[in-house]
């Protein structure tokens, strides 16, 4: 009794282009393959914003 029909869609990680399995919920998207890549992207974005790049 579940709506899991085989493989879930994947999309590339924004940091390293590794395939990221998407959750079954259509309201959430995963853009990163791990927490460390999400943190790195946020830090990089904050630094670029601070430097007004």
N, C-alpha and C. Protein backbone atom coordinates (compact mmCIF):
# COMPACT_ATOMS: atom_id res chain seq x y z
N UNK A 1 0.84 -1.19 0.00
CA UNK A 1 0.00 0.00 0.00
C UNK A 1 0.88 1.24 0.00
N UNK A 2 1.43 1.63 -1.09
CA UNK A 2 2.24 2.83 -1.19
C UNK A 2 2.28 3.27 -2.63
N UNK A 3 2.58 4.52 -2.83
CA UNK A 3 2.59 5.05 -4.18
C UNK A 3 3.95 5.01 -4.83
N UNK A 4 4.82 4.11 -4.41
CA UNK A 4 6.17 4.06 -4.96
C UNK A 4 6.21 3.16 -6.19
N UNK A 5 6.32 3.76 -7.35
CA UNK A 5 6.34 2.98 -8.58
C UNK A 5 7.75 2.91 -9.14
N UNK A 6 8.61 2.13 -8.53
CA UNK A 6 9.95 1.95 -9.07
C UNK A 6 10.87 3.11 -8.79
N UNK A 7 11.53 3.59 -9.84
CA UNK A 7 12.55 4.62 -9.66
C UNK A 7 11.94 6.00 -9.52
N UNK A 8 12.57 6.79 -8.67
CA UNK A 8 12.16 8.18 -8.51
C UNK A 8 12.98 9.05 -9.43
N UNK A 9 12.46 10.20 -9.81
CA UNK A 9 13.23 11.09 -10.69
C UNK A 9 14.46 11.64 -9.98
N UNK A 10 15.48 11.95 -10.76
CA UNK A 10 16.69 12.54 -10.19
C UNK A 10 16.97 13.85 -10.90
N UNK A 11 17.72 14.71 -10.24
CA UNK A 11 18.23 15.93 -10.84
C UNK A 11 19.65 16.13 -10.35
N UNK A 12 20.47 16.85 -11.11
CA UNK A 12 21.88 17.00 -10.72
C UNK A 12 22.05 17.93 -9.51
N UNK A 13 23.03 17.60 -8.68
CA UNK A 13 23.39 18.44 -7.54
C UNK A 13 23.91 19.77 -8.07
N UNK A 14 23.53 20.87 -7.42
CA UNK A 14 23.99 22.19 -7.87
C UNK A 14 25.48 22.40 -7.68
N UNK A 15 26.08 21.60 -6.80
CA UNK A 15 27.50 21.80 -6.50
C UNK A 15 28.38 20.87 -7.31
N UNK A 16 28.05 19.56 -7.36
CA UNK A 16 28.96 18.59 -7.97
C UNK A 16 28.34 17.81 -9.13
N UNK A 17 27.11 18.10 -9.50
CA UNK A 17 26.40 17.43 -10.60
C UNK A 17 26.14 15.95 -10.38
N UNK A 18 26.22 15.47 -9.15
CA UNK A 18 25.87 14.08 -8.85
C UNK A 18 24.35 13.95 -8.89
N UNK A 19 23.81 12.81 -9.33
CA UNK A 19 22.35 12.66 -9.37
C UNK A 19 21.75 12.63 -7.96
N UNK A 20 20.73 13.44 -7.75
CA UNK A 20 20.07 13.53 -6.44
C UNK A 20 18.66 12.97 -6.58
N UNK A 21 18.35 11.92 -5.83
CA UNK A 21 17.02 11.32 -5.87
C UNK A 21 16.03 12.28 -5.23
N UNK A 22 14.94 12.55 -5.93
CA UNK A 22 13.94 13.49 -5.45
C UNK A 22 12.93 12.78 -4.55
N UNK A 23 12.43 13.48 -3.52
CA UNK A 23 11.41 12.87 -2.66
C UNK A 23 10.10 12.69 -3.41
N UNK A 24 9.25 11.82 -2.89
CA UNK A 24 7.99 11.53 -3.57
C UNK A 24 7.02 12.72 -3.52
N UNK A 25 7.19 13.60 -2.54
CA UNK A 25 6.33 14.77 -2.45
C UNK A 25 6.63 15.74 -3.59
N UNK A 26 5.60 16.22 -4.23
CA UNK A 26 5.83 17.13 -5.36
C UNK A 26 6.09 18.56 -4.90
N UNK A 27 5.95 18.81 -3.60
CA UNK A 27 6.13 20.17 -3.09
C UNK A 27 7.57 20.44 -2.69
N UNK A 28 8.40 19.40 -2.58
CA UNK A 28 9.78 19.60 -2.14
C UNK A 28 10.74 19.15 -3.21
N UNK A 29 11.81 19.90 -3.38
CA UNK A 29 12.85 19.53 -4.31
C UNK A 29 14.18 19.49 -3.59
N UNK A 30 15.00 18.52 -3.92
CA UNK A 30 16.35 18.46 -3.37
C UNK A 30 17.31 18.92 -4.44
N UNK A 31 18.09 19.93 -4.13
CA UNK A 31 19.03 20.48 -5.09
C UNK A 31 20.46 20.03 -4.85
N UNK A 32 20.73 19.44 -3.68
CA UNK A 32 22.10 19.07 -3.32
C UNK A 32 22.14 17.62 -2.88
N UNK A 33 23.29 16.98 -3.10
CA UNK A 33 23.41 15.56 -2.74
C UNK A 33 23.68 15.38 -1.26
N UNK A 34 24.08 16.42 -0.55
CA UNK A 34 24.34 16.29 0.88
C UNK A 34 24.29 17.63 1.59
N UNK A 35 24.28 17.55 2.91
CA UNK A 35 24.18 18.76 3.72
C UNK A 35 25.41 19.65 3.55
N UNK A 36 26.59 19.04 3.39
CA UNK A 36 27.80 19.84 3.27
C UNK A 36 27.80 20.67 1.99
N UNK A 37 27.26 20.13 0.90
CA UNK A 37 27.21 20.90 -0.34
C UNK A 37 26.21 22.04 -0.24
N UNK A 38 25.11 21.80 0.48
CA UNK A 38 24.13 22.87 0.68
C UNK A 38 24.75 24.00 1.49
N UNK A 39 25.51 23.62 2.54
CA UNK A 39 26.18 24.63 3.36
C UNK A 39 27.19 25.42 2.56
N UNK A 40 28.00 24.72 1.76
CA UNK A 40 29.02 25.40 0.94
C UNK A 40 28.38 26.40 -0.01
N UNK A 41 27.29 26.00 -0.63
CA UNK A 41 26.62 26.90 -1.57
C UNK A 41 26.09 28.13 -0.84
N UNK A 42 25.51 27.94 0.35
CA UNK A 42 25.00 29.09 1.11
C UNK A 42 26.12 30.00 1.55
N UNK A 43 27.25 29.44 1.98
CA UNK A 43 28.39 30.26 2.40
C UNK A 43 28.94 31.04 1.21
N UNK A 44 29.10 30.37 0.08
CA UNK A 44 29.60 31.03 -1.12
C UNK A 44 28.68 32.18 -1.53
N UNK A 45 27.37 31.93 -1.49
CA UNK A 45 26.42 32.97 -1.86
C UNK A 45 26.48 34.15 -0.90
N UNK A 46 26.63 33.87 0.41
CA UNK A 46 26.72 34.94 1.41
C UNK A 46 27.99 35.77 1.22
N UNK A 47 29.11 35.11 0.90
CA UNK A 47 30.36 35.83 0.68
C UNK A 47 30.25 36.72 -0.55
N UNK A 48 29.68 36.17 -1.63
CA UNK A 48 29.54 36.97 -2.85
C UNK A 48 28.60 38.17 -2.62
N UNK A 49 27.56 37.94 -1.82
CA UNK A 49 26.64 39.05 -1.51
C UNK A 49 27.35 40.10 -0.66
N UNK A 50 28.17 39.65 0.29
CA UNK A 50 28.91 40.58 1.15
C UNK A 50 29.90 41.42 0.32
N UNK A 51 30.54 40.80 -0.65
CA UNK A 51 31.48 41.52 -1.50
C UNK A 51 30.77 42.33 -2.58
N UNK A 52 29.45 42.22 -2.64
CA UNK A 52 28.62 42.93 -3.63
C UNK A 52 29.06 42.59 -5.05
N UNK A 53 29.21 41.31 -5.30
CA UNK A 53 29.65 40.83 -6.60
C UNK A 53 28.50 40.71 -7.55
